[in-house]
Amino acid sequence: MRNLKELVVRGCINLGCMNGWNKEWFEIHKELQSLKIVGSDSGRNLGRCYNESSFDINLNGEVVKVISTVDSSD
């Protein structure tokens, strides 16, 4: 498994568009979900069928925002 700290850029982990994820990215997302701060889920519509989801995690004492998008028109 990857070192999650290496994914952090300016306080965020941007996982990109879920439509293009492979097995490794789904495993990373699952691991990040296990670190989720309760009540930190957020979502917003970016236009038409394109949506962004985010949540905060506690990564070794640092609060990091995890962001992903999905295009539901596919």
N, C-alpha and C. Protein backbone atom coordinates (compact mmCIF):
# COMPACT_ATOMS: atom_id res chain seq x y z
N MET A 1 0.85 -1.19 0.00
CA MET A 1 0.00 0.00 0.00
C MET A 1 0.88 1.24 0.00
N ARG A 2 0.41 2.28 -0.59
CA ARG A 2 1.15 3.54 -0.70
C ARG A 2 1.24 4.25 0.64
N ASN A 3 2.26 5.09 0.76
CA ASN A 3 2.36 6.00 1.89
C ASN A 3 1.38 7.13 1.63
N LEU A 4 0.36 7.24 2.45
CA LEU A 4 -0.69 8.24 2.22
C LEU A 4 -0.15 9.66 2.29
N LYS A 5 0.89 9.90 3.09
CA LYS A 5 1.46 11.25 3.21
C LYS A 5 1.97 11.75 1.86
N GLU A 6 2.43 10.87 1.00
CA GLU A 6 2.97 11.29 -0.29
C GLU A 6 1.88 11.79 -1.24
N LEU A 7 0.61 11.53 -0.91
CA LEU A 7 -0.51 12.00 -1.73
C LEU A 7 -0.96 13.41 -1.36
N VAL A 8 -0.51 13.92 -0.22
CA VAL A 8 -0.96 15.22 0.28
C VAL A 8 -0.25 16.36 -0.46
N VAL A 9 -1.06 17.25 -1.03
CA VAL A 9 -0.55 18.46 -1.70
C VAL A 9 -1.33 19.64 -1.12
N ARG A 10 -0.63 20.55 -0.47
CA ARG A 10 -1.24 21.73 0.15
C ARG A 10 -2.46 21.39 1.02
N GLY A 11 -2.32 20.38 1.86
CA GLY A 11 -3.39 20.03 2.79
C GLY A 11 -4.53 19.23 2.21
N CYS A 12 -4.38 18.77 0.95
CA CYS A 12 -5.46 18.01 0.29
C CYS A 12 -4.90 16.76 -0.38
N ILE A 13 -5.76 15.77 -0.47
CA ILE A 13 -5.51 14.61 -1.32
C ILE A 13 -6.60 14.63 -2.38
N ASN A 14 -6.21 14.87 -3.62
CA ASN A 14 -7.18 14.90 -4.72
C ASN A 14 -7.07 13.58 -5.48
N LEU A 15 -8.11 12.76 -5.35
CA LEU A 15 -8.11 11.44 -5.97
C LEU A 15 -8.57 11.47 -7.42
N GLY A 16 -8.96 12.63 -7.91
CA GLY A 16 -9.40 12.75 -9.30
C GLY A 16 -10.78 12.17 -9.51
N CYS A 17 -11.08 11.86 -10.75
CA CYS A 17 -12.41 11.39 -11.14
C CYS A 17 -12.54 9.88 -10.91
N MET A 18 -13.54 9.51 -10.15
CA MET A 18 -13.77 8.10 -9.81
C MET A 18 -14.01 7.24 -11.05
N ASN A 19 -14.50 7.84 -12.11
CA ASN A 19 -14.78 7.08 -13.33
C ASN A 19 -13.53 6.41 -13.89
N GLY A 20 -12.35 6.94 -13.58
CA GLY A 20 -11.12 6.38 -14.12
C GLY A 20 -10.29 5.60 -13.11
N TRP A 21 -10.83 5.35 -11.93
CA TRP A 21 -10.07 4.65 -10.89
C TRP A 21 -9.85 3.18 -11.24
N ASN A 22 -8.67 2.69 -10.86
CA ASN A 22 -8.41 1.26 -10.96
C ASN A 22 -8.51 0.66 -9.56
N LYS A 23 -8.21 -0.61 -9.40
CA LYS A 23 -8.36 -1.30 -8.12
C LYS A 23 -7.52 -0.62 -7.03
N GLU A 24 -6.30 -0.20 -7.38
CA GLU A 24 -5.42 0.45 -6.40
C GLU A 24 -6.06 1.72 -5.82
N TRP A 25 -6.66 2.54 -6.69
CA TRP A 25 -7.28 3.79 -6.21
C TRP A 25 -8.50 3.52 -5.34
N PHE A 26 -9.28 2.47 -5.66
CA PHE A 26 -10.41 2.11 -4.80
C PHE A 26 -9.92 1.64 -3.43
N GLU A 27 -8.79 0.92 -3.40
CA GLU A 27 -8.20 0.49 -2.12
C GLU A 27 -7.70 1.68 -1.31
N ILE A 28 -7.08 2.65 -1.97
CA ILE A 28 -6.62 3.87 -1.30
C ILE A 28 -7.81 4.62 -0.72
N HIS A 29 -8.88 4.76 -1.51
CA HIS A 29 -10.09 5.44 -1.04
C HIS A 29 -10.66 4.74 0.18
N LYS A 30 -10.69 3.41 0.15
CA LYS A 30 -11.19 2.64 1.28
C LYS A 30 -10.35 2.90 2.53
N GLU A 31 -9.03 2.93 2.37
CA GLU A 31 -8.14 3.21 3.50
C GLU A 31 -8.37 4.63 4.04
N LEU A 32 -8.53 5.60 3.14
CA LEU A 32 -8.78 6.98 3.56
C LEU A 32 -10.12 7.08 4.29
N GLN A 33 -11.13 6.33 3.84
CA GLN A 33 -12.44 6.33 4.50
C GLN A 33 -12.31 5.89 5.96
N SER A 34 -11.38 4.98 6.23
CA SER A 34 -11.21 4.49 7.59
C SER A 34 -10.63 5.56 8.52
N LEU A 35 -10.06 6.62 7.94
CA LEU A 35 -9.47 7.72 8.71
C LEU A 35 -10.40 8.94 8.77
N LYS A 36 -11.60 8.82 8.20
CA LYS A 36 -12.52 9.95 8.06
C LYS A 36 -12.92 10.53 9.42
N ILE A 37 -12.96 11.84 9.49
CA ILE A 37 -13.46 12.55 10.66
C ILE A 37 -14.98 12.58 10.53
N VAL A 38 -15.67 12.04 11.52
CA VAL A 38 -17.13 11.94 11.51
C VAL A 38 -17.75 13.33 11.29
N GLY A 39 -18.72 13.38 10.37
CA GLY A 39 -19.44 14.62 10.10
C GLY A 39 -18.76 15.56 9.13
N SER A 40 -17.64 15.14 8.54
CA SER A 40 -16.90 16.05 7.66
C SER A 40 -17.26 15.88 6.18
N ASP A 41 -18.19 14.98 5.86
CA ASP A 41 -18.59 14.76 4.46
C ASP A 41 -19.19 16.02 3.85
N SER A 42 -18.87 16.26 2.60
CA SER A 42 -19.42 17.40 1.87
C SER A 42 -19.53 17.03 0.40
N GLY A 43 -20.44 17.67 -0.28
CA GLY A 43 -20.59 17.43 -1.71
C GLY A 43 -21.12 18.67 -2.39
N ARG A 44 -20.79 18.78 -3.68
CA ARG A 44 -21.32 19.91 -4.45
C ARG A 44 -21.37 19.54 -5.92
N ASN A 45 -22.33 20.12 -6.59
CA ASN A 45 -22.50 19.91 -8.02
C ASN A 45 -21.61 20.90 -8.76
N LEU A 46 -20.81 20.38 -9.69
CA LEU A 46 -19.91 21.21 -10.48
C LEU A 46 -20.50 21.55 -11.85
N GLY A 47 -21.68 21.02 -12.12
CA GLY A 47 -22.34 21.29 -13.40
C GLY A 47 -22.88 20.02 -14.01
N ARG A 48 -24.08 20.12 -14.50
CA ARG A 48 -24.79 18.99 -15.11
C ARG A 48 -24.65 17.73 -14.27
N CYS A 49 -23.98 16.71 -14.74
CA CYS A 49 -23.89 15.44 -14.01
C CYS A 49 -22.52 15.25 -13.35
N TYR A 50 -21.80 16.34 -13.14
CA TYR A 50 -20.45 16.29 -12.60
C TYR A 50 -20.48 16.76 -11.15
N ASN A 51 -20.10 15.90 -10.23
CA ASN A 51 -20.20 16.19 -8.80
C ASN A 51 -18.87 15.97 -8.09
N GLU A 52 -18.66 16.75 -7.04
CA GLU A 52 -17.47 16.63 -6.21
C GLU A 52 -17.89 16.18 -4.81
N SER A 53 -17.14 15.26 -4.25
CA SER A 53 -17.34 14.81 -2.88
C SER A 53 -16.05 15.03 -2.11
N SER A 54 -16.18 15.34 -0.83
CA SER A 54 -15.00 15.50 -0.01
C SER A 54 -15.28 15.10 1.43
N PHE A 55 -14.24 14.81 2.14
CA PHE A 55 -14.30 14.56 3.57
C PHE A 55 -12.91 14.83 4.14
N ASP A 56 -12.87 15.07 5.44
CA ASP A 56 -11.61 15.32 6.12
C ASP A 56 -11.15 14.05 6.81
N ILE A 57 -9.81 13.88 6.87
CA ILE A 57 -9.23 12.76 7.59
C ILE A 57 -8.22 13.30 8.60
N ASN A 58 -7.93 12.47 9.58
CA ASN A 58 -6.86 12.76 10.52
C ASN A 58 -5.71 11.86 10.12
N LEU A 59 -4.66 12.46 9.55
CA LEU A 59 -3.50 11.72 9.07
C LEU A 59 -2.32 12.07 9.96
N ASN A 60 -2.09 11.23 10.94
CA ASN A 60 -0.99 11.44 11.89
C ASN A 60 -1.07 12.80 12.57
N GLY A 61 -2.27 13.17 13.00
CA GLY A 61 -2.46 14.43 13.72
C GLY A 61 -2.70 15.64 12.84
N GLU A 62 -2.65 15.47 11.52
CA GLU A 62 -2.89 16.57 10.57
C GLU A 62 -4.25 16.36 9.90
N VAL A 63 -5.06 17.42 9.85
CA VAL A 63 -6.35 17.34 9.16
C VAL A 63 -6.10 17.58 7.67
N VAL A 64 -6.52 16.61 6.86
CA VAL A 64 -6.32 16.64 5.42
C VAL A 64 -7.66 16.44 4.74
N LYS A 65 -7.96 17.25 3.72
CA LYS A 65 -9.20 17.12 2.95
C LYS A 65 -8.97 16.14 1.79
N VAL A 66 -9.88 15.19 1.64
CA VAL A 66 -9.84 14.21 0.55
C VAL A 66 -10.94 14.58 -0.44
N ILE A 67 -10.58 14.79 -1.69
CA ILE A 67 -11.51 15.24 -2.73
C ILE A 67 -11.55 14.24 -3.87
N SER A 68 -12.75 13.98 -4.40
CA SER A 68 -12.89 13.18 -5.61
C SER A 68 -14.10 13.71 -6.38
N THR A 69 -14.13 13.38 -7.65
CA THR A 69 -15.25 13.79 -8.49
C THR A 69 -15.83 12.54 -9.17
N VAL A 70 -17.03 12.71 -9.69
CA VAL A 70 -17.66 11.64 -10.45
C VAL A 70 -18.53 12.28 -11.54
N ASP A 71 -18.47 11.71 -12.73
CA ASP A 71 -19.31 12.14 -13.84
C ASP A 71 -20.37 11.07 -14.03
N SER A 72 -21.58 11.35 -13.55
CA SER A 72 -22.64 10.34 -13.60
C SER A 72 -23.32 10.24 -14.97
N SER A 73 -22.86 11.00 -15.95
CA SER A 73 -23.46 10.91 -17.28
C SER A 73 -22.86 9.77 -18.11
N ASP A 74 -21.77 9.16 -17.60
CA ASP A 74 -21.13 8.06 -18.33
C ASP A 74 -22.00 6.85 -18.40
